[in-house]
Amino acid sequence: MSLFSNKVVVVTGGSEGIGKALVDAFLALGAKVATCGRNYDKLYQIQSLHAGKPLLIHTTDVSKEQECKNFIDTVLKNFGHIDILINNAGISMRALFADVSIDALRKVMDVNFWGSVYCTKFALASIEKQRGTIVSISSVAGFRGLPGRTGYSASKFALNGWMEALRTELLDSGVNVLWVSPGFTASNIRNAALDSKGNPQGESPMDEGAMMSSEACAQHIIDAIGKRKRTVVLSAQGKQTVILNKLFPSLADKLVRKFFYKNNTLIK
């Protein structure tokens, strides 16, 4: 029997990428899974693939507080409680701060930070009762600010700080709080990344084939949940960046700029 058999697992942003891989994996492990996303058709396709399994789908925009409440209330009504909440829904951006609109920055913060806050707030009492787990999918950009991603970096720094504070508050409660930084992962997040006006760019400048798969990333996350880890940085490059930024921040400035710029132009 799996460690996750009959556990109620909630995954936000489960219609594609890492979220979908998590939904697939947890169902295979015998868990009861609830997931949400903005696109009902994509959610319905996942439900159809798992016909007969305990999968609940719910159309939700996590940047909207009431929609998050409706989602969590629906999960509790159908499954009775929540053991694991994975705040996976997120959106990226690629634009210089000088060019980006305030609305685009706000949208990134609303999804990446407030979406996690809303869902956790409404699920917390049940998770505490179950002595369960709260997970947020963060990024190396939450440890080290990245050029062209000011709003994304801000949202992930806020996420990390909030999760760390929450973990400390819940230290004696039996609840584990974990944040995971996957690094570059093959998913749709870069294609959906916002441009300076807040519109999806629709293309990625990066080689998706050279990245960790969503399925491999999901397995790392599941392993970390099972081991009740505190925080995980998955890629070697990410670990190096976090350590370098902590010990030699000025050198990190130069190396990060070199990685993201060519001929003084942002390329990544």
C-alpha atoms as a PDB file:
ATOM      1  CA  MET A   1       0.000   0.000   0.000  1.00  0.00           C
ATOM      2  CA  SER A   2       1.280   3.458  -0.923  1.00  0.00           C
ATOM      3  CA  LEU A   3       2.032   6.117   1.678  1.00  0.00           C
ATOM      4  CA  PHE A   4      -0.568   8.246  -0.123  1.00  0.00           C
ATOM      5  CA  SER A   5      -3.368   5.672  -0.389  1.00  0.00           C
ATOM      6  CA  ASN A   6      -6.721   7.340   0.364  1.00  0.00           C
ATOM      7  CA  LYS A   7      -5.026  10.636   1.208  1.00  0.00           C
ATOM      8  CA  VAL A   8      -6.862  13.707  -0.064  1.00  0.00           C
ATOM      9  CA  VAL A   9      -4.458  15.720  -2.219  1.00  0.00           C
ATOM     10  CA  VAL A  10      -5.310  19.154  -3.619  1.00  0.00           C
ATOM     11  CA  VAL A  11      -3.259  20.428  -6.576  1.00  0.00           C
ATOM     12  CA  THR A  12      -3.878  23.896  -7.968  1.00  0.00           C
ATOM     13  CA  GLY A  13      -3.078  24.488 -11.630  1.00  0.00           C
ATOM     14  CA  GLY A  14      -3.450  20.818 -12.473  1.00  0.00           C
ATOM     15  CA  SER A  15      -4.484  21.093 -16.111  1.00  0.00           C
ATOM     16  CA  GLU A  16      -0.962  20.863 -17.552  1.00  0.00           C
ATOM     17  CA  GLY A  17       2.746  20.750 -16.794  1.00  0.00           C
ATOM     18  CA  ILE A  18       3.939  19.889 -13.297  1.00  0.00           C
ATOM     19  CA  GLY A  19       0.400  20.130 -11.927  1.00  0.00           C
ATOM     20  CA  LYS A  20      -0.956  17.539 -14.338  1.00  0.00           C
ATOM     21  CA  ALA A  21       2.011  15.259 -13.664  1.00  0.00           C
ATOM     22  CA  LEU A  22       1.276  15.516  -9.938  1.00  0.00           C
ATOM     23  CA  VAL A  23      -2.397  14.677 -10.496  1.00  0.00           C
ATOM     24  CA  ASP A  24      -1.481  11.636 -12.599  1.00  0.00           C
ATOM     25  CA  ALA A  25       1.118  10.421 -10.102  1.00  0.00           C
ATOM     26  CA  PHE A  26      -1.003  10.806  -6.976  1.00  0.00           C
ATOM     27  CA  LEU A  27      -3.944   9.000  -8.573  1.00  0.00           C
ATOM     28  CA  ALA A  28      -1.594   6.156  -9.509  1.00  0.00           C
ATOM     29  CA  LEU A  29      -0.527   6.032  -5.858  1.00  0.00           C
ATOM     30  CA  GLY A  30      -4.111   5.587  -4.692  1.00  0.00           C
ATOM     31  CA  ALA A  31      -4.813   9.116  -3.493  1.00  0.00           C
ATOM     32  CA  LYS A  32      -8.042  11.047  -3.839  1.00  0.00           C
ATOM     33  CA  VAL A  33      -7.196  14.114  -5.885  1.00  0.00           C
ATOM     34  CA  ALA A  34      -8.841  17.483  -6.406  1.00  0.00           C
ATOM     35  CA  THR A  35      -7.450  19.927  -8.926  1.00  0.00           C
ATOM     36  CA  CYS A  36      -8.389  23.259 -10.424  1.00  0.00           C
ATOM     37  CA  GLY A  37      -7.539  25.452 -13.383  1.00  0.00           C
ATOM     38  CA  ARG A  38      -9.031  28.199 -15.493  1.00  0.00           C
ATOM     39  CA  ASN A  39      -9.591  26.039 -18.587  1.00  0.00           C
ATOM     40  CA  TYR A  40     -12.495  23.609 -18.111  1.00  0.00           C
ATOM     41  CA  ASP A  41     -11.799  21.741 -21.347  1.00  0.00           C
ATOM     42  CA  LYS A  42      -8.279  20.835 -20.227  1.00  0.00           C
ATOM     43  CA  LEU A  43      -9.565  19.749 -16.823  1.00  0.00           C
ATOM     44  CA  TYR A  44     -12.274  17.643 -18.439  1.00  0.00           C
ATOM     45  CA  GLN A  45      -9.693  15.893 -20.629  1.00  0.00           C
ATOM     46  CA  ILE A  46      -7.749  14.901 -17.516  1.00  0.00           C
ATOM     47  CA  GLN A  47     -10.910  13.686 -15.828  1.00  0.00           C
ATOM     48  CA  SER A  48     -11.739  11.593 -18.888  1.00  0.00           C
ATOM     49  CA  LEU A  49      -8.292  10.002 -18.819  1.00  0.00           C
ATOM     50  CA  HIS A  50      -8.878   8.973 -15.200  1.00  0.00           C
ATOM     51  CA  ALA A  51     -12.496   7.837 -15.493  1.00  0.00           C
ATOM     52  CA  GLY A  52     -13.552   5.847 -12.455  1.00  0.00           C
ATOM     53  CA  LYS A  53     -10.818   7.249 -10.231  1.00  0.00           C
ATOM     54  CA  PRO A  54     -11.422   9.657  -7.316  1.00  0.00           C
ATOM     55  CA  LEU A  55     -10.636  12.868  -9.188  1.00  0.00           C
ATOM     56  CA  LEU A  56     -12.488  16.123  -8.584  1.00  0.00           C
ATOM     57  CA  ILE A  57     -12.051  18.994 -11.060  1.00  0.00           C
ATOM     58  CA  HIS A  58     -13.089  22.592 -10.492  1.00  0.00           C
ATOM     59  CA  THR A  59     -12.797  25.643 -12.728  1.00  0.00           C
ATOM     60  CA  THR A  60     -10.956  28.239 -10.670  1.00  0.00           C
ATOM     61  CA  ASP A  61      -8.941  31.407 -11.181  1.00  0.00           C
ATOM     62  CA  VAL A  62      -6.681  31.334  -8.118  1.00  0.00           C
ATOM     63  CA  SER A  63      -6.136  35.093  -8.286  1.00  0.00           C
ATOM     64  CA  LYS A  64      -9.772  35.456  -7.142  1.00  0.00           C
ATOM     65  CA  GLU A  65     -10.301  34.951  -3.415  1.00  0.00           C
ATOM     66  CA  GLN A  66     -13.924  33.817  -3.668  1.00  0.00           C
ATOM     67  CA  GLU A  67     -13.129  31.301  -6.399  1.00  0.00           C
ATOM     68  CA  CYS A  68     -10.414  29.788  -4.196  1.00  0.00           C
ATOM     69  CA  LYS A  69     -12.891  29.549  -1.321  1.00  0.00           C
ATOM     70  CA  ASN A  70     -15.453  27.886  -3.577  1.00  0.00           C
ATOM     71  CA  PHE A  71     -12.828  25.368  -4.725  1.00  0.00           C
ATOM     72  CA  ILE A  72     -11.673  24.429  -1.223  1.00  0.00           C
ATOM     73  CA  ASP A  73     -15.270  24.286   0.056  1.00  0.00           C
ATOM     74  CA  THR A  74     -16.127  21.912  -2.805  1.00  0.00           C
ATOM     75  CA  VAL A  75     -13.170  19.676  -1.948  1.00  0.00           C
ATOM     76  CA  LEU A  76     -14.211  19.515   1.709  1.00  0.00           C
ATOM     77  CA  LYS A  77     -17.815  18.816   0.767  1.00  0.00           C
ATOM     78  CA  ASN A  78     -16.837  15.935  -1.535  1.00  0.00           C
ATOM     79  CA  PHE A  79     -13.860  14.406   0.290  1.00  0.00           C
ATOM     80  CA  GLY A  80     -14.451  15.504   3.886  1.00  0.00           C
ATOM     81  CA  HIS A  81     -10.955  16.782   4.613  1.00  0.00           C
ATOM     82  CA  ILE A  82      -7.604  17.730   3.057  1.00  0.00           C
ATOM     83  CA  ASP A  83      -4.314  15.976   3.806  1.00  0.00           C
ATOM     84  CA  ILE A  84      -2.013  17.663   1.311  1.00  0.00           C
ATOM     85  CA  LEU A  85      -2.301  21.019  -0.442  1.00  0.00           C
ATOM     86  CA  ILE A  86       0.081  21.745  -3.321  1.00  0.00           C
ATOM     87  CA  ASN A  87       0.026  25.378  -4.423  1.00  0.00           C
ATOM     88  CA  ASN A  88       1.249  24.795  -7.957  1.00  0.00           C
ATOM     89  CA  ALA A  89      -0.700  27.326 -10.050  1.00  0.00           C
ATOM     90  CA  GLY A  90       1.643  29.976 -11.354  1.00  0.00           C
ATOM     91  CA  ILE A  91       2.473  32.315 -14.176  1.00  0.00           C
ATOM     92  CA  SER A  92       5.761  33.740 -15.414  1.00  0.00           C
ATOM     93  CA  MET A  93       6.769  36.929 -17.198  1.00  0.00           C
ATOM     94  CA  ARG A  94       9.555  38.171 -19.459  1.00  0.00           C
ATOM     95  CA  ALA A  95       9.954  41.918 -19.711  1.00  0.00           C
ATOM     96  CA  LEU A  96      12.337  44.580 -18.483  1.00  0.00           C
ATOM     97  CA  PHE A  97      11.008  46.573 -15.550  1.00  0.00           C
ATOM     98  CA  ALA A  98      11.330  49.789 -17.574  1.00  0.00           C
ATOM     99  CA  ASP A  99       8.885  48.357 -20.121  1.00  0.00           C
ATOM    100  CA  VAL A 100       6.482  46.301 -18.047  1.00  0.00           C
ATOM    101  CA  SER A 101       3.048  47.572 -17.063  1.00  0.00           C
ATOM    102  CA  ILE A 102       1.933  47.729 -13.454  1.00  0.00           C
ATOM    103  CA  ASP A 103      -1.061  45.559 -14.391  1.00  0.00           C
ATOM    104  CA  ALA A 104       1.252  42.778 -15.604  1.00  0.00           C
ATOM    105  CA  LEU A 105       3.242  42.893 -12.362  1.00  0.00           C
ATOM    106  CA  ARG A 106       0.047  42.821 -10.323  1.00  0.00           C
ATOM    107  CA  LYS A 107      -1.313  39.853 -12.293  1.00  0.00           C
ATOM    108  CA  VAL A 108       1.821  37.808 -11.617  1.00  0.00           C
ATOM    109  CA  MET A 109       1.655  38.616  -7.908  1.00  0.00           C
ATOM    110  CA  ASP A 110      -2.067  37.852  -7.736  1.00  0.00           C
ATOM    111  CA  VAL A 111      -1.615  34.372  -9.194  1.00  0.00           C
ATOM    112  CA  ASN A 112       1.733  33.300  -7.732  1.00  0.00           C
ATOM    113  CA  PHE A 113       1.469  34.777  -4.250  1.00  0.00           C
ATOM    114  CA  TRP A 114      -2.140  35.555  -3.432  1.00  0.00           C
ATOM    115  CA  GLY A 115      -3.434  32.389  -5.104  1.00  0.00           C
ATOM    116  CA  SER A 116      -1.310  30.328  -2.719  1.00  0.00           C
ATOM    117  CA  VAL A 117      -2.341  32.443   0.251  1.00  0.00           C
ATOM    118  CA  TYR A 118      -6.063  32.153  -0.502  1.00  0.00           C
ATOM    119  CA  CYS A 119      -6.111  28.383  -0.968  1.00  0.00           C
ATOM    120  CA  THR A 120      -3.951  27.781   2.088  1.00  0.00           C
ATOM    121  CA  LYS A 121      -6.055  30.065   4.257  1.00  0.00           C
ATOM    122  CA  PHE A 122      -9.256  28.213   3.432  1.00  0.00           C
ATOM    123  CA  ALA A 123      -7.692  24.739   3.694  1.00  0.00           C
ATOM    124  CA  LEU A 124      -5.574  25.344   6.795  1.00  0.00           C
ATOM    125  CA  ALA A 125      -7.993  24.225   9.493  1.00  0.00           C
ATOM    126  CA  SER A 126      -8.538  20.865   7.806  1.00  0.00           C
ATOM    127  CA  ILE A 127      -4.832  20.346   7.142  1.00  0.00           C
ATOM    128  CA  GLU A 128      -4.025  21.128  10.775  1.00  0.00           C
ATOM    129  CA  LYS A 129      -6.616  18.598  11.915  1.00  0.00           C
ATOM    130  CA  GLN A 130      -5.070  15.972   9.630  1.00  0.00           C
ATOM    131  CA  ARG A 131      -1.500  16.968  10.606  1.00  0.00           C
ATOM    132  CA  GLY A 132      -0.914  17.153   6.887  1.00  0.00           C
ATOM    133  CA  THR A 133       1.321  18.989   4.436  1.00  0.00           C
ATOM    134  CA  ILE A 134       1.328  22.370   2.691  1.00  0.00           C
ATOM    135  CA  VAL A 135       3.515  22.685  -0.399  1.00  0.00           C
ATOM    136  CA  SER A 136       4.199  25.664  -2.632  1.00  0.00           C
ATOM    137  CA  ILE A 137       5.985  25.429  -5.959  1.00  0.00           C
ATOM    138  CA  SER A 138       8.518  28.223  -5.926  1.00  0.00           C
ATOM    139  CA  SER A 139      11.586  28.929  -8.042  1.00  0.00           C
ATOM    140  CA  VAL A 140      15.260  29.799  -7.854  1.00  0.00           C
ATOM    141  CA  ALA A 141      13.871  33.265  -8.657  1.00  0.00           C
ATOM    142  CA  GLY A 142      12.598  33.238  -5.065  1.00  0.00           C
ATOM    143  CA  PHE A 143      16.176  33.096  -3.804  1.00  0.00           C
ATOM    144  CA  ARG A 144      17.890  35.185  -6.467  1.00  0.00           C
ATOM    145  CA  GLY A 145      16.239  37.970  -8.466  1.00  0.00           C
ATOM    146  CA  LEU A 146      16.414  37.364 -12.220  1.00  0.00           C
ATOM    147  CA  PRO A 147      16.568  40.080 -14.905  1.00  0.00           C
ATOM    148  CA  GLY A 148      13.510  40.357 -17.102  1.00  0.00           C
ATOM    149  CA  ARG A 149      11.500  38.664 -14.366  1.00  0.00           C
ATOM    150  CA  THR A 150      11.142  41.358 -11.737  1.00  0.00           C
ATOM    151  CA  GLY A 151       7.479  40.594 -11.054  1.00  0.00           C
ATOM    152  CA  TYR A 152       8.050  36.836 -11.097  1.00  0.00           C
ATOM    153  CA  SER A 153      11.022  37.147  -8.743  1.00  0.00           C
ATOM    154  CA  ALA A 154       9.035  39.394  -6.405  1.00  0.00           C
ATOM    155  CA  SER A 155       6.159  36.915  -6.281  1.00  0.00           C
ATOM    156  CA  LYS A 156       8.466  33.989  -5.498  1.00  0.00           C
ATOM    157  CA  PHE A 157      10.440  35.923  -2.868  1.00  0.00           C
ATOM    158  CA  ALA A 158       7.118  36.770  -1.225  1.00  0.00           C
ATOM    159  CA  LEU A 159       6.034  33.127  -1.480  1.00  0.00           C
ATOM    160  CA  ASN A 160       9.242  31.849   0.130  1.00  0.00           C
ATOM    161  CA  GLY A 161       9.105  34.354   2.968  1.00  0.00           C
ATOM    162  CA  TRP A 162       5.459  33.632   3.663  1.00  0.00           C
ATOM    163  CA  MET A 163       6.033  29.868   3.618  1.00  0.00           C
ATOM    164  CA  GLU A 164       9.008  30.162   5.959  1.00  0.00           C
ATOM    165  CA  ALA A 165       6.982  32.234   8.409  1.00  0.00           C
ATOM    166  CA  LEU A 166       4.057  29.810   8.134  1.00  0.00           C
ATOM    167  CA  ARG A 167       6.326  26.826   8.719  1.00  0.00           C
ATOM    168  CA  THR A 168       7.641  28.464  11.887  1.00  0.00           C
ATOM    169  CA  GLU A 169       4.121  29.204  13.125  1.00  0.00           C
ATOM    170  CA  LEU A 170       3.095  25.576  12.540  1.00  0.00           C
ATOM    171  CA  LEU A 171       6.298  23.968  13.793  1.00  0.00           C
ATOM    172  CA  ASP A 172       4.604  22.273  16.758  1.00  0.00           C
ATOM    173  CA  SER A 173       1.313  21.528  15.018  1.00  0.00           C
ATOM    174  CA  GLY A 174       2.326  18.370  13.147  1.00  0.00           C
ATOM    175  CA  VAL A 175       1.837  20.146   9.803  1.00  0.00           C
ATOM    176  CA  ASN A 176       4.794  20.090   7.419  1.00  0.00           C
ATOM    177  CA  VAL A 177       5.401  23.167   5.263  1.00  0.00           C
ATOM    178  CA  LEU A 178       7.553  22.676   2.174  1.00  0.00           C
ATOM    179  CA  TRP A 179       8.530  24.862  -0.754  1.00  0.00           C
ATOM    180  CA  VAL A 180      10.112  23.434  -3.885  1.00  0.00           C
ATOM    181  CA  SER A 181      12.178  25.198  -6.542  1.00  0.00           C
ATOM    182  CA  PRO A 182      12.117  22.997  -9.669  1.00  0.00           C
ATOM    183  CA  GLY A 183      14.511  24.969 -11.875  1.00  0.00           C
ATOM    184  CA  PHE A 184      13.918  24.910 -15.634  1.00  0.00           C
ATOM    185  CA  THR A 185      11.236  22.271 -16.293  1.00  0.00           C
ATOM    186  CA  ALA A 186       9.585  21.301 -19.567  1.00  0.00           C
ATOM    187  CA  SER A 187       6.098  22.782 -19.225  1.00  0.00           C
ATOM    188  CA  ASN A 188       3.840  25.425 -20.707  1.00  0.00           C
ATOM    189  CA  ILE A 189       4.745  28.122 -18.170  1.00  0.00           C
ATOM    190  CA  ARG A 190       7.224  29.864 -20.485  1.00  0.00           C
ATOM    191  CA  ASN A 191       4.807  29.812 -23.432  1.00  0.00           C
ATOM    192  CA  ALA A 192       2.194  31.379 -21.176  1.00  0.00           C
ATOM    193  CA  ALA A 193       4.648  33.878 -19.703  1.00  0.00           C
ATOM    194  CA  LEU A 194       3.369  37.438 -19.787  1.00  0.00           C
ATOM    195  CA  ASP A 195       4.935  40.128 -21.913  1.00  0.00           C
ATOM    196  CA  SER A 196       5.322  43.763 -20.886  1.00  0.00           C
ATOM    197  CA  LYS A 197       1.606  44.418 -21.465  1.00  0.00           C
ATOM    198  CA  GLY A 198       0.442  41.368 -19.509  1.00  0.00           C
ATOM    199  CA  ASN A 199      -0.411  39.225 -22.553  1.00  0.00           C
ATOM    200  CA  PRO A 200       0.823  35.615 -23.043  1.00  0.00           C
ATOM    201  CA  GLN A 201       3.949  35.559 -25.199  1.00  0.00           C
ATOM    202  CA  GLY A 202       3.021  32.236 -26.793  1.00  0.00           C
ATOM    203  CA  GLU A 203       6.594  31.086 -27.336  1.00  0.00           C
ATOM    204  CA  SER A 204       9.630  30.087 -25.316  1.00  0.00           C
ATOM    205  CA  PRO A 205      13.216  31.088 -26.145  1.00  0.00           C
ATOM    206  CA  MET A 206      14.538  28.077 -24.239  1.00  0.00           C
ATOM    207  CA  ASP A 207      15.251  24.490 -25.291  1.00  0.00           C
ATOM    208  CA  GLU A 208      12.464  22.539 -23.606  1.00  0.00           C
ATOM    209  CA  GLY A 209      14.005  19.219 -24.673  1.00  0.00           C
ATOM    210  CA  ALA A 210      17.058  19.819 -22.493  1.00  0.00           C
ATOM    211  CA  MET A 211      14.995  20.370 -19.346  1.00  0.00           C
ATOM    212  CA  MET A 212      13.748  18.083 -16.606  1.00  0.00           C
ATOM    213  CA  SER A 213      10.399  16.552 -17.522  1.00  0.00           C
ATOM    214  CA  SER A 214       7.254  17.484 -15.605  1.00  0.00           C
ATOM    215  CA  GLU A 215       6.897  13.822 -14.614  1.00  0.00           C
ATOM    216  CA  ALA A 216      10.395  13.671 -13.114  1.00  0.00           C
ATOM    217  CA  CYS A 217       9.797  16.945 -11.310  1.00  0.00           C
ATOM    218  CA  ALA A 218       6.520  15.641  -9.888  1.00  0.00           C
ATOM    219  CA  GLN A 219       8.262  12.538  -8.557  1.00  0.00           C
ATOM    220  CA  HIS A 220      10.856  14.672  -6.765  1.00  0.00           C
ATOM    221  CA  ILE A 221       8.061  16.685  -5.181  1.00  0.00           C
ATOM    222  CA  ILE A 222       6.219  13.556  -4.064  1.00  0.00           C
ATOM    223  CA  ASP A 223       9.415  12.136  -2.561  1.00  0.00           C
ATOM    224  CA  ALA A 224       9.998  15.397  -0.669  1.00  0.00           C
ATOM    225  CA  ILE A 225       6.429  15.302   0.683  1.00  0.00           C
ATOM    226  CA  GLY A 226       6.883  11.714   1.819  1.00  0.00           C
ATOM    227  CA  LYS A 227      10.112  12.640   3.633  1.00  0.00           C
ATOM    228  CA  ARG A 228       8.511  15.801   5.082  1.00  0.00           C
ATOM    229  CA  LYS A 229      11.347  17.994   3.872  1.00  0.00           C
ATOM    230  CA  ARG A 230      11.566  21.727   4.498  1.00  0.00           C
ATOM    231  CA  THR A 231      12.715  23.050   1.141  1.00  0.00           C
ATOM    232  CA  VAL A 232      14.091  21.519  -2.052  1.00  0.00           C
ATOM    233  CA  VAL A 233      16.031  23.071  -4.929  1.00  0.00           C
ATOM    234  CA  LEU A 234      15.977  20.458  -7.676  1.00  0.00           C
ATOM    235  CA  SER A 235      18.536  21.443 -10.299  1.00  0.00           C
ATOM    236  CA  ALA A 236      22.305  21.531  -9.818  1.00  0.00           C
ATOM    237  CA  GLN A 237      22.362  24.942 -11.497  1.00  0.00           C
ATOM    238  CA  GLY A 238      19.704  26.164  -9.073  1.00  0.00           C
ATOM    239  CA  LYS A 239      21.620  24.912  -6.039  1.00  0.00           C
ATOM    240  CA  GLN A 240      24.788  26.586  -7.274  1.00  0.00           C
ATOM    241  CA  THR A 241      22.930  29.839  -7.840  1.00  0.00           C
ATOM    242  CA  VAL A 242      21.403  29.847  -4.355  1.00  0.00           C
ATOM    243  CA  ILE A 243      24.735  29.124  -2.651  1.00  0.00           C
ATOM    244  CA  LEU A 244      26.691  31.585  -4.809  1.00  0.00           C
ATOM    245  CA  ASN A 245      24.152  34.331  -4.210  1.00  0.00           C
ATOM    246  CA  LYS A 246      24.352  33.794  -0.450  1.00  0.00           C
ATOM    247  CA  LEU A 247      28.161  33.741  -0.262  1.00  0.00           C
ATOM    248  CA  PHE A 248      29.239  35.987  -3.148  1.00  0.00           C
ATOM    249  CA  PRO A 249      26.270  38.172  -4.165  1.00  0.00           C
ATOM    250  CA  SER A 250      28.278  40.621  -6.295  1.00  0.00           C
ATOM    251  CA  LEU A 251      29.768  37.780  -8.313  1.00  0.00           C
ATOM    252  CA  ALA A 252      26.291  36.285  -8.671  1.00  0.00           C
ATOM    253  CA  ASP A 253      25.094  39.596 -10.123  1.00  0.00           C
ATOM    254  CA  LYS A 254      27.670  39.362 -12.899  1.00  0.00           C
ATOM    255  CA  LEU A 255      27.162  35.678 -13.655  1.00  0.00           C
ATOM    256  CA  VAL A 256      23.370  35.933 -13.723  1.00  0.00           C
ATOM    257  CA  ARG A 257      23.550  38.916 -16.070  1.00  0.00           C
ATOM    258  CA  LYS A 258      25.946  37.018 -18.340  1.00  0.00           C
ATOM    259  CA  PHE A 259      23.543  34.066 -18.438  1.00  0.00           C
ATOM    260  CA  PHE A 260      20.502  36.165 -19.363  1.00  0.00           C
ATOM    261  CA  TYR A 261      22.103  38.759 -21.651  1.00  0.00           C
ATOM    262  CA  LYS A 262      23.899  38.651 -24.991  1.00  0.00           C
ATOM    263  CA  ASN A 263      25.363  41.820 -26.530  1.00  0.00           C
ATOM    264  CA  ASN A 264      23.667  43.759 -23.753  1.00  0.00           C
ATOM    265  CA  THR A 265      20.241  42.393 -24.787  1.00  0.00           C
ATOM    266  CA  LEU A 266      18.014  40.190 -22.652  1.00  0.00           C
ATOM    267  CA  ILE A 267      17.766  36.798 -24.385  1.00  0.00           C
ATOM    268  CA  LYS A 268      16.293  34.272 -21.936  1.00  0.00           C
END
